[in-house]
C-alpha atoms as a PDB file:
ATOM      1  CA  GLU A   1      72.740 -43.207  60.205  1.00  0.00           C
ATOM      2  CA  LEU A   2      68.448 -42.724  59.550  1.00  0.00           C
ATOM      3  CA  SER A   3      68.385 -40.413  56.646  1.00  0.00           C
ATOM      4  CA  LEU A   4      69.658 -42.852  54.739  1.00  0.00           C
ATOM      5  CA  GLY A   5      67.367 -45.567  55.874  1.00  0.00           C
ATOM      6  CA  LEU A   6      65.181 -43.786  55.242  1.00  0.00           C
ATOM      7  CA  LEU A   7      65.912 -42.325  51.284  1.00  0.00           C
ATOM      8  CA  ALA A   8      67.200 -45.972  50.608  1.00  0.00           C
ATOM      9  CA  ALA A   9      63.380 -47.599  51.933  1.00  0.00           C
ATOM     10  CA  SER A  10      61.865 -43.659  50.005  1.00  0.00           C
ATOM     11  CA  SER A  11      63.272 -45.023  46.598  1.00  0.00           C
ATOM     12  CA  ARG A  12      62.275 -49.132  46.815  1.00  0.00           C
ATOM     13  CA  GLY A  13      59.023 -47.707  47.576  1.00  0.00           C
ATOM     14  CA  GLN A  14      58.259 -49.020  51.696  1.00  0.00           C
ATOM     15  CA  VAL A  15      56.166 -47.811  53.563  1.00  0.00           C
ATOM     16  CA  ASP A  16      56.720 -49.041  56.911  1.00  0.00           C
ATOM     17  CA  VAL A  17      59.759 -48.519  56.573  1.00  0.00           C
ATOM     18  CA  CYS A  18      59.269 -45.765  56.213  1.00  0.00           C
ATOM     19  CA  SER A  19      56.326 -44.796  58.720  1.00  0.00           C
ATOM     20  CA  ALA A  20      58.327 -46.388  61.491  1.00  0.00           C
ATOM     21  CA  ILE A  21      61.131 -43.515  61.397  1.00  0.00           C
ATOM     22  CA  LEU A  22      59.144 -41.112  60.429  1.00  0.00           C
ATOM     23  CA  GLN A  23      56.959 -41.894  63.777  1.00  0.00           C
ATOM     24  CA  HIS A  24      60.184 -41.657  65.381  1.00  0.00           C
ATOM     25  CA  ARG A  25      61.371 -38.687  64.120  1.00  0.00           C
ATOM     26  CA  PRO A  26      59.510 -37.375  62.015  1.00  0.00           C
ATOM     27  CA  GLN A  27      61.568 -33.653  60.932  1.00  0.00           C
ATOM     28  CA  MET A  28      63.483 -36.647  58.763  1.00  0.00           C
ATOM     29  CA  ALA A  29      61.217 -36.266  55.727  1.00  0.00           C
ATOM     30  CA  THR A  30      63.214 -33.091  55.433  1.00  0.00           C
ATOM     31  CA  THR A  31      67.089 -33.890  55.288  1.00  0.00           C
ATOM     32  CA  VAL A  32      69.198 -34.007  53.087  1.00  0.00           C
ATOM     33  CA  CYS A  33      72.040 -36.112  51.793  1.00  0.00           C
ATOM     34  CA  SER A  34      74.788 -35.656  50.159  1.00  0.00           C
ATOM     35  CA  GLY A  35      74.484 -34.800  46.217  1.00  0.00           C
ATOM     36  CA  GLN A  36      70.437 -32.410  47.320  1.00  0.00           C
ATOM     37  CA  TRP A  37      68.659 -35.625  48.141  1.00  0.00           C
ATOM     38  CA  ASN A  38      66.511 -36.545  50.038  1.00  0.00           C
ATOM     39  CA  ALA A  39      63.186 -39.193  50.167  1.00  0.00           C
ATOM     40  CA  LEU A  40      60.702 -37.217  49.380  1.00  0.00           C
ATOM     41  CA  ARG A  41      62.891 -36.697  45.701  1.00  0.00           C
ATOM     42  CA  SER A  42      64.269 -39.963  45.664  1.00  0.00           C
ATOM     43  CA  ALA A  43      60.475 -41.889  46.437  1.00  0.00           C
ATOM     44  CA  ALA A  44      59.693 -39.329  43.256  1.00  0.00           C
ATOM     45  CA  CYS A  45      61.651 -40.337  41.095  1.00  0.00           C
ATOM     46  CA  ASN A  46      61.058 -44.453  41.386  1.00  0.00           C
ATOM     47  CA  ASN A  47      56.633 -43.523  41.019  1.00  0.00           C
ATOM     48  CA  HIS A  48      56.424 -44.012  44.368  1.00  0.00           C
ATOM     49  CA  LEU A  49      52.967 -42.381  45.827  1.00  0.00           C
ATOM     50  CA  GLU A  50      52.644 -43.779  48.456  1.00  0.00           C
ATOM     51  CA  VAL A  51      55.699 -43.104  49.955  1.00  0.00           C
ATOM     52  CA  LEU A  52      55.385 -39.748  48.885  1.00  0.00           C
ATOM     53  CA  ASP A  53      52.660 -39.200  50.395  1.00  0.00           C
ATOM     54  CA  LEU A  54      53.899 -40.450  53.731  1.00  0.00           C
ATOM     55  CA  LEU A  55      56.178 -37.732  53.411  1.00  0.00           C
ATOM     56  CA  LEU A  56      54.451 -34.698  52.977  1.00  0.00           C
ATOM     57  CA  SER A  57      52.220 -35.541  55.322  1.00  0.00           C
ATOM     58  CA  HIS A  58      55.189 -35.335  58.185  1.00  0.00           C
ATOM     59  CA  GLY A  59      57.159 -32.411  56.486  1.00  0.00           C
ATOM     60  CA  GLN A  60      57.137 -28.991  56.191  1.00  0.00           C
ATOM     61  CA  PHE A  61      57.745 -28.731  52.870  1.00  0.00           C
ATOM     62  CA  GLY A  62      54.086 -25.795  52.140  1.00  0.00           C
ATOM     63  CA  SER A  63      52.537 -26.380  49.123  1.00  0.00           C
ATOM     64  CA  HIS A  64      52.624 -29.142  46.218  1.00  0.00           C
ATOM     65  CA  GLN A  65      53.192 -26.473  43.685  1.00  0.00           C
ATOM     66  CA  GLN A  66      56.166 -25.339  46.274  1.00  0.00           C
ATOM     67  CA  VAL A  67      57.966 -28.724  46.484  1.00  0.00           C
ATOM     68  CA  PHE A  68      57.739 -28.940  42.732  1.00  0.00           C
ATOM     69  CA  ASN A  69      59.339 -25.845  41.681  1.00  0.00           C
ATOM     70  CA  GLN A  70      61.754 -26.312  43.788  1.00  0.00           C
ATOM     71  CA  THR A  71      62.717 -29.818  43.387  1.00  0.00           C
ATOM     72  CA  LEU A  72      62.234 -28.811  39.464  1.00  0.00           C
ATOM     73  CA  GLU A  73      63.957 -26.191  39.936  1.00  0.00           C
ATOM     74  CA  ARG A  74      67.273 -28.889  41.055  1.00  0.00           C
ATOM     75  CA  PHE A  75      67.420 -29.855  37.652  1.00  0.00           C
ATOM     76  CA  HIS A  76      68.368 -26.710  35.549  1.00  0.00           C
END
């Protein structure tokens, strides 16, 4: 499934793979997989800033501060 592919690619910092998936299915940027993981969280936890920028440009996440606050809430 593409959502798992995007999750795996984002965790590895594979910008080209993420870009190819998002080109065909931009809504995947906000897809949440099991365990509340998504590509954005996966890229952030693995410090892949280029992937984060790519995902943020494709998703409907709101402001960076909103994304940060929502991610922080998931850990508490």
